[in-house]
Amino acid sequence: MQRPYIIYFQQSLTLGASEEYFYLLMQDIDRTRFNIIFVCPESSILDSLVRKIEALGIKVQRYSLNTSNYLVILRLLWFFRKFKPELVHINDPCLIGIIAARLANAPVLLITHHTPELNRKYN
């Protein structure tokens, strides 16, 4: 029986406590029971985090923010349908990730909002 997939989804182009939280979750999860994929934007800001995650042996999928949200959602939808994750964990509310996960019928969508004091602009 194949191990279920968990996708950790990041949209923010910052490195801070939320990203460290994601890293610690991925570091400590039992990878003999779950396949883990980290999904994040293509940005040099995230390169150091991506290298740390890849050093754990975790697959990383990057997406471009230099295109329309519609195209990003379609690409993410294809990706989610391909891997059929049991859980999509989104780090801070992210409309493109939420829409793609819902359209792909991910059974569990977990959204953690780590910085409620910030005034965020959502697209």
N, C-alpha and C. Protein backbone atom coordinates (compact mmCIF):
# COMPACT_ATOMS: atom_id res chain seq x y z
N MET A 1 0.84 -1.18 0.00
CA MET A 1 0.00 0.00 0.00
C MET A 1 0.89 1.24 0.00
N GLN A 2 0.54 2.18 -0.86
CA GLN A 2 1.33 3.41 -0.97
C GLN A 2 1.06 4.33 0.21
N ARG A 3 2.12 4.97 0.66
CA ARG A 3 1.99 5.94 1.75
C ARG A 3 1.21 7.16 1.27
N PRO A 4 0.31 7.70 2.10
CA PRO A 4 -0.44 8.89 1.70
C PRO A 4 0.47 10.11 1.61
N TYR A 5 0.06 11.03 0.75
CA TYR A 5 0.81 12.28 0.57
C TYR A 5 0.27 13.37 1.48
N ILE A 6 1.20 14.14 2.02
CA ILE A 6 0.90 15.38 2.71
C ILE A 6 1.64 16.48 1.96
N ILE A 7 0.90 17.52 1.60
CA ILE A 7 1.52 18.66 0.92
C ILE A 7 1.51 19.85 1.87
N TYR A 8 2.68 20.40 2.07
CA TYR A 8 2.83 21.65 2.82
C TYR A 8 2.95 22.76 1.78
N PHE A 9 2.08 23.75 1.88
CA PHE A 9 1.97 24.78 0.84
C PHE A 9 2.32 26.15 1.42
N GLN A 10 3.25 26.81 0.78
CA GLN A 10 3.75 28.11 1.21
C GLN A 10 3.55 29.11 0.09
N GLN A 11 3.02 30.29 0.39
CA GLN A 11 2.94 31.34 -0.62
C GLN A 11 3.81 32.54 -0.25
N SER A 12 4.03 32.75 1.01
CA SER A 12 4.75 33.93 1.47
C SER A 12 6.19 33.94 0.95
N LEU A 13 6.65 35.13 0.61
CA LEU A 13 8.03 35.31 0.15
C LEU A 13 8.89 35.89 1.27
N THR A 14 8.74 35.31 2.44
CA THR A 14 9.54 35.73 3.60
C THR A 14 10.08 34.50 4.30
N LEU A 15 11.08 34.71 5.12
CA LEU A 15 11.59 33.66 5.98
C LEU A 15 11.46 34.14 7.41
N GLY A 16 10.76 33.37 8.21
CA GLY A 16 10.54 33.75 9.60
C GLY A 16 10.07 32.56 10.40
N ALA A 17 9.35 32.85 11.47
CA ALA A 17 8.90 31.80 12.39
C ALA A 17 7.93 30.82 11.71
N SER A 18 7.06 31.31 10.84
CA SER A 18 6.11 30.42 10.16
C SER A 18 6.83 29.40 9.29
N GLU A 19 7.85 29.85 8.61
CA GLU A 19 8.60 28.95 7.73
C GLU A 19 9.42 27.96 8.56
N GLU A 20 9.92 28.41 9.68
CA GLU A 20 10.65 27.51 10.59
C GLU A 20 9.69 26.46 11.16
N TYR A 21 8.47 26.86 11.45
CA TYR A 21 7.43 25.93 11.91
C TYR A 21 7.18 24.83 10.87
N PHE A 22 7.03 25.23 9.62
CA PHE A 22 6.85 24.25 8.55
C PHE A 22 8.04 23.30 8.48
N TYR A 23 9.23 23.86 8.54
CA TYR A 23 10.43 23.03 8.47
C TYR A 23 10.45 22.02 9.62
N LEU A 24 10.15 22.45 10.82
CA LEU A 24 10.14 21.53 11.97
C LEU A 24 9.10 20.44 11.80
N LEU A 25 7.92 20.79 11.28
CA LEU A 25 6.91 19.76 11.02
C LEU A 25 7.43 18.72 10.04
N MET A 26 8.03 19.19 8.95
CA MET A 26 8.53 18.26 7.93
C MET A 26 9.70 17.43 8.46
N GLN A 27 10.51 18.03 9.30
CA GLN A 27 11.66 17.33 9.86
C GLN A 27 11.22 16.19 10.77
N ASP A 28 10.15 16.42 11.53
CA ASP A 28 9.77 15.46 12.57
C ASP A 28 8.69 14.47 12.16
N ILE A 29 8.06 14.66 11.02
CA ILE A 29 6.99 13.74 10.62
C ILE A 29 7.59 12.38 10.23
N ASP A 30 6.86 11.33 10.50
CA ASP A 30 7.32 9.97 10.20
C ASP A 30 7.20 9.73 8.69
N ARG A 31 8.34 9.81 8.01
CA ARG A 31 8.33 9.65 6.55
C ARG A 31 8.28 8.19 6.12
N THR A 32 8.26 7.27 7.08
CA THR A 32 7.99 5.88 6.71
C THR A 32 6.48 5.67 6.57
N ARG A 33 5.69 6.61 7.09
CA ARG A 33 4.23 6.52 7.00
C ARG A 33 3.63 7.48 5.99
N PHE A 34 4.35 8.58 5.66
CA PHE A 34 3.80 9.61 4.79
C PHE A 34 4.83 10.06 3.76
N ASN A 35 4.35 10.34 2.56
CA ASN A 35 5.15 11.04 1.55
C ASN A 35 4.89 12.53 1.73
N ILE A 36 5.95 13.30 1.78
CA ILE A 36 5.84 14.73 2.03
C ILE A 36 6.30 15.49 0.79
N ILE A 37 5.55 16.53 0.44
CA ILE A 37 5.95 17.44 -0.63
C ILE A 37 5.79 18.86 -0.11
N PHE A 38 6.79 19.68 -0.36
CA PHE A 38 6.73 21.09 -0.01
C PHE A 38 6.53 21.88 -1.30
N VAL A 39 5.50 22.72 -1.33
CA VAL A 39 5.18 23.52 -2.50
C VAL A 39 5.35 24.99 -2.13
N CYS A 40 6.14 25.70 -2.94
CA CYS A 40 6.39 27.12 -2.64
C CYS A 40 6.72 27.87 -3.93
N PRO A 41 6.66 29.21 -3.86
CA PRO A 41 6.98 30.00 -5.05
C PRO A 41 8.46 29.93 -5.42
N GLU A 42 8.72 30.18 -6.70
CA GLU A 42 10.10 30.33 -7.16
C GLU A 42 10.56 31.72 -6.72
N SER A 43 11.49 31.75 -5.79
CA SER A 43 12.03 33.01 -5.30
C SER A 43 13.35 32.73 -4.61
N SER A 44 14.33 33.55 -4.88
CA SER A 44 15.63 33.37 -4.23
C SER A 44 15.53 33.55 -2.72
N ILE A 45 14.52 34.27 -2.26
CA ILE A 45 14.32 34.47 -0.82
C ILE A 45 14.12 33.14 -0.12
N LEU A 46 13.46 32.20 -0.79
CA LEU A 46 13.14 30.90 -0.19
C LEU A 46 14.20 29.84 -0.44
N ASP A 47 15.24 30.16 -1.20
CA ASP A 47 16.24 29.15 -1.58
C ASP A 47 16.88 28.45 -0.39
N SER A 48 17.21 29.19 0.67
CA SER A 48 17.87 28.55 1.82
C SER A 48 16.92 27.58 2.51
N LEU A 49 15.64 27.92 2.61
CA LEU A 49 14.65 27.02 3.19
C LEU A 49 14.49 25.78 2.31
N VAL A 50 14.42 25.99 1.01
CA VAL A 50 14.26 24.87 0.08
C VAL A 50 15.45 23.91 0.20
N ARG A 51 16.66 24.45 0.29
CA ARG A 51 17.84 23.58 0.43
C ARG A 51 17.77 22.75 1.72
N LYS A 52 17.32 23.36 2.82
CA LYS A 52 17.19 22.63 4.09
C LYS A 52 16.16 21.50 3.96
N ILE A 53 15.06 21.79 3.30
CA ILE A 53 14.00 20.79 3.14
C ILE A 53 14.46 19.67 2.21
N GLU A 54 15.11 20.02 1.12
CA GLU A 54 15.63 18.99 0.21
C GLU A 54 16.68 18.13 0.90
N ALA A 55 17.46 18.71 1.82
CA ALA A 55 18.46 17.94 2.56
C ALA A 55 17.81 16.87 3.44
N LEU A 56 16.54 17.06 3.77
CA LEU A 56 15.80 16.04 4.53
C LEU A 56 15.32 14.91 3.62
N GLY A 57 15.50 15.08 2.31
CA GLY A 57 15.02 14.08 1.36
C GLY A 57 13.57 14.30 0.97
N ILE A 58 13.06 15.49 1.18
CA ILE A 58 11.68 15.82 0.87
C ILE A 58 11.61 16.48 -0.50
N LYS A 59 10.63 16.04 -1.28
CA LYS A 59 10.41 16.61 -2.61
C LYS A 59 9.91 18.04 -2.49
N VAL A 60 10.43 18.92 -3.33
CA VAL A 60 10.01 20.32 -3.37
C VAL A 60 9.47 20.62 -4.76
N GLN A 61 8.32 21.24 -4.81
CA GLN A 61 7.72 21.68 -6.07
C GLN A 61 7.57 23.20 -5.99
N ARG A 62 8.14 23.89 -6.94
CA ARG A 62 8.06 25.35 -6.94
C ARG A 62 7.12 25.81 -8.05
N TYR A 63 6.48 26.94 -7.83
CA TYR A 63 5.58 27.51 -8.83
C TYR A 63 5.92 28.97 -9.04
N SER A 64 5.58 29.47 -10.21
CA SER A 64 5.90 30.85 -10.57
C SER A 64 4.77 31.79 -10.18
N LEU A 65 5.16 32.92 -9.62
CA LEU A 65 4.20 33.99 -9.34
C LEU A 65 4.21 35.03 -10.45
N ASN A 66 4.99 34.77 -11.50
CA ASN A 66 5.11 35.71 -12.63
C ASN A 66 4.13 35.38 -13.74
N THR A 67 2.96 34.92 -13.37
CA THR A 67 1.92 34.59 -14.33
C THR A 67 0.58 34.89 -13.67
N SER A 68 -0.49 34.70 -14.39
CA SER A 68 -1.80 35.00 -13.82
C SER A 68 -2.15 33.99 -12.73
N ASN A 69 -2.96 34.45 -11.78
CA ASN A 69 -3.42 33.54 -10.73
C ASN A 69 -4.18 32.36 -11.32
N TYR A 70 -4.91 32.60 -12.38
CA TYR A 70 -5.67 31.53 -13.04
C TYR A 70 -4.73 30.41 -13.50
N LEU A 71 -3.63 30.77 -14.15
CA LEU A 71 -2.68 29.75 -14.61
C LEU A 71 -1.99 29.05 -13.45
N VAL A 72 -1.68 29.78 -12.40
CA VAL A 72 -1.06 29.16 -11.22
C VAL A 72 -2.03 28.15 -10.61
N ILE A 73 -3.30 28.53 -10.49
CA ILE A 73 -4.29 27.61 -9.93
C ILE A 73 -4.42 26.36 -10.79
N LEU A 74 -4.44 26.53 -12.12
CA LEU A 74 -4.54 25.35 -13.00
C LEU A 74 -3.34 24.43 -12.84
N ARG A 75 -2.15 24.99 -12.75
CA ARG A 75 -0.94 24.17 -12.58
C ARG A 75 -0.95 23.46 -11.22
N LEU A 76 -1.37 24.18 -10.19
CA LEU A 76 -1.44 23.56 -8.86
C LEU A 76 -2.53 22.49 -8.83
N LEU A 77 -3.65 22.75 -9.48
CA LEU A 77 -4.72 21.76 -9.56
C LEU A 77 -4.21 20.48 -10.21
N TRP A 78 -3.49 20.59 -11.31
CA TRP A 78 -2.91 19.42 -11.97
C TRP A 78 -1.97 18.69 -11.00
N PHE A 79 -1.14 19.44 -10.31
CA PHE A 79 -0.18 18.85 -9.38
C PHE A 79 -0.90 18.12 -8.24
N PHE A 80 -1.91 18.75 -7.65
CA PHE A 80 -2.65 18.12 -6.56
C PHE A 80 -3.38 16.87 -7.04
N ARG A 81 -3.95 16.93 -8.23
CA ARG A 81 -4.65 15.75 -8.76
C ARG A 81 -3.67 14.61 -9.04
N LYS A 82 -2.47 14.95 -9.44
CA LYS A 82 -1.46 13.92 -9.72
C LYS A 82 -1.09 13.16 -8.44
N PHE A 83 -0.89 13.88 -7.35
CA PHE A 83 -0.42 13.23 -6.12
C PHE A 83 -1.53 12.85 -5.15
N LYS A 84 -2.73 13.39 -5.32
CA LYS A 84 -3.89 13.06 -4.49
C LYS A 84 -3.55 13.09 -3.00
N PRO A 85 -3.15 14.26 -2.50
CA PRO A 85 -2.77 14.32 -1.08
C PRO A 85 -3.95 14.08 -0.15
N GLU A 86 -3.69 13.42 0.96
CA GLU A 86 -4.69 13.23 2.00
C GLU A 86 -4.87 14.51 2.80
N LEU A 87 -3.81 15.33 2.83
CA LEU A 87 -3.83 16.57 3.60
C LEU A 87 -3.04 17.63 2.83
N VAL A 88 -3.62 18.82 2.72
CA VAL A 88 -2.90 19.98 2.23
C VAL A 88 -2.87 20.98 3.38
N HIS A 89 -1.66 21.28 3.84
CA HIS A 89 -1.47 22.22 4.95
C HIS A 89 -0.94 23.51 4.37
N ILE A 90 -1.74 24.56 4.48
CA ILE A 90 -1.38 25.86 3.91
C ILE A 90 -0.91 26.77 5.04
N ASN A 91 0.26 27.32 4.85
CA ASN A 91 0.88 28.20 5.83
C ASN A 91 0.42 29.63 5.57
N ASP A 92 -0.51 30.10 6.36
CA ASP A 92 -1.17 31.40 6.20
C ASP A 92 -2.14 31.33 5.03
N PRO A 93 -3.29 31.97 5.16
CA PRO A 93 -4.31 31.89 4.10
C PRO A 93 -3.75 32.29 2.73
N CYS A 94 -4.04 31.47 1.76
CA CYS A 94 -3.53 31.69 0.41
C CYS A 94 -4.62 31.25 -0.57
N LEU A 95 -5.20 32.21 -1.25
CA LEU A 95 -6.34 31.93 -2.11
C LEU A 95 -6.02 30.92 -3.21
N ILE A 96 -4.86 31.05 -3.87
CA ILE A 96 -4.56 30.12 -4.97
C ILE A 96 -4.41 28.69 -4.46
N GLY A 97 -3.79 28.51 -3.31
CA GLY A 97 -3.64 27.18 -2.73
C GLY A 97 -4.96 26.59 -2.28
N ILE A 98 -5.79 27.42 -1.67
CA ILE A 98 -7.10 26.95 -1.19
C ILE A 98 -7.97 26.52 -2.37
N ILE A 99 -8.03 27.35 -3.41
CA ILE A 99 -8.86 27.01 -4.57
C ILE A 99 -8.37 25.73 -5.23
N ALA A 100 -7.07 25.62 -5.45
CA ALA A 100 -6.53 24.43 -6.12
C ALA A 100 -6.78 23.17 -5.29
N ALA A 101 -6.58 23.24 -3.98
CA ALA A 101 -6.81 22.08 -3.12
C ALA A 101 -8.28 21.68 -3.11
N ARG A 102 -9.17 22.67 -3.05
CA ARG A 102 -10.60 22.36 -3.06
C ARG A 102 -11.04 21.76 -4.39
N LEU A 103 -10.57 22.33 -5.51
CA LEU A 103 -10.93 21.79 -6.81
C LEU A 103 -10.39 20.37 -7.01
N ALA A 104 -9.26 20.09 -6.38
CA ALA A 104 -8.66 18.75 -6.48
C ALA A 104 -9.28 17.77 -5.49
N ASN A 105 -10.24 18.23 -4.72
CA ASN A 105 -10.93 17.39 -3.73
C ASN A 105 -10.00 16.81 -2.67
N ALA A 106 -9.05 17.59 -2.22
CA ALA A 106 -8.20 17.14 -1.12
C ALA A 106 -9.10 16.90 0.09
N PRO A 107 -9.02 15.70 0.70
CA PRO A 107 -9.94 15.38 1.80
C PRO A 107 -9.81 16.31 3.01
N VAL A 108 -8.58 16.75 3.29
CA VAL A 108 -8.37 17.64 4.44
C VAL A 108 -7.55 18.84 3.98
N LEU A 109 -8.07 20.01 4.28
CA LEU A 109 -7.38 21.26 3.99
C LEU A 109 -7.20 21.96 5.33
N LEU A 110 -5.96 22.09 5.76
CA LEU A 110 -5.62 22.72 7.03
C LEU A 110 -4.93 24.04 6.74
N ILE A 111 -5.47 25.11 7.30
CA ILE A 111 -4.89 26.44 7.10
C ILE A 111 -4.50 26.98 8.47
N THR A 112 -3.22 27.27 8.62
CA THR A 112 -2.76 27.86 9.88
C THR A 112 -2.38 29.31 9.59
N HIS A 113 -2.86 30.19 10.45
CA HIS A 113 -2.60 31.62 10.28
C HIS A 113 -1.72 32.05 11.45
N HIS A 114 -0.45 32.27 11.15
CA HIS A 114 0.54 32.49 12.20
C HIS A 114 0.74 33.94 12.58
N THR A 115 0.32 34.86 11.75
CA THR A 115 0.63 36.26 12.00
C THR A 115 -0.64 37.10 11.92
N PRO A 116 -1.56 36.94 12.86
CA PRO A 116 -2.83 37.67 12.78
C PRO A 116 -2.68 39.18 12.97
N GLU A 117 -1.56 39.62 13.51
CA GLU A 117 -1.38 41.05 13.73
C GLU A 117 -1.05 41.82 12.45
N LEU A 118 -0.68 41.11 11.40
CA LEU A 118 -0.35 41.77 10.14
C LEU A 118 -1.61 42.08 9.34
N ASN A 119 -1.61 43.19 8.68
CA ASN A 119 -2.69 43.56 7.78
C ASN A 119 -2.33 43.02 6.40
N ARG A 120 -2.87 41.88 6.04
CA ARG A 120 -2.52 41.23 4.78
C ARG A 120 -3.44 41.67 3.67
N LYS A 121 -2.88 41.78 2.48
CA LYS A 121 -3.68 42.07 1.29
C LYS A 121 -3.83 40.76 0.51
N TYR A 122 -5.06 40.31 0.37
CA TYR A 122 -5.30 39.05 -0.36
C TYR A 122 -5.77 39.37 -1.77
N ASN A 123 -5.33 38.56 -2.72
CA ASN A 123 -5.77 38.78 -4.09
C ASN A 123 -6.98 37.94 -4.40
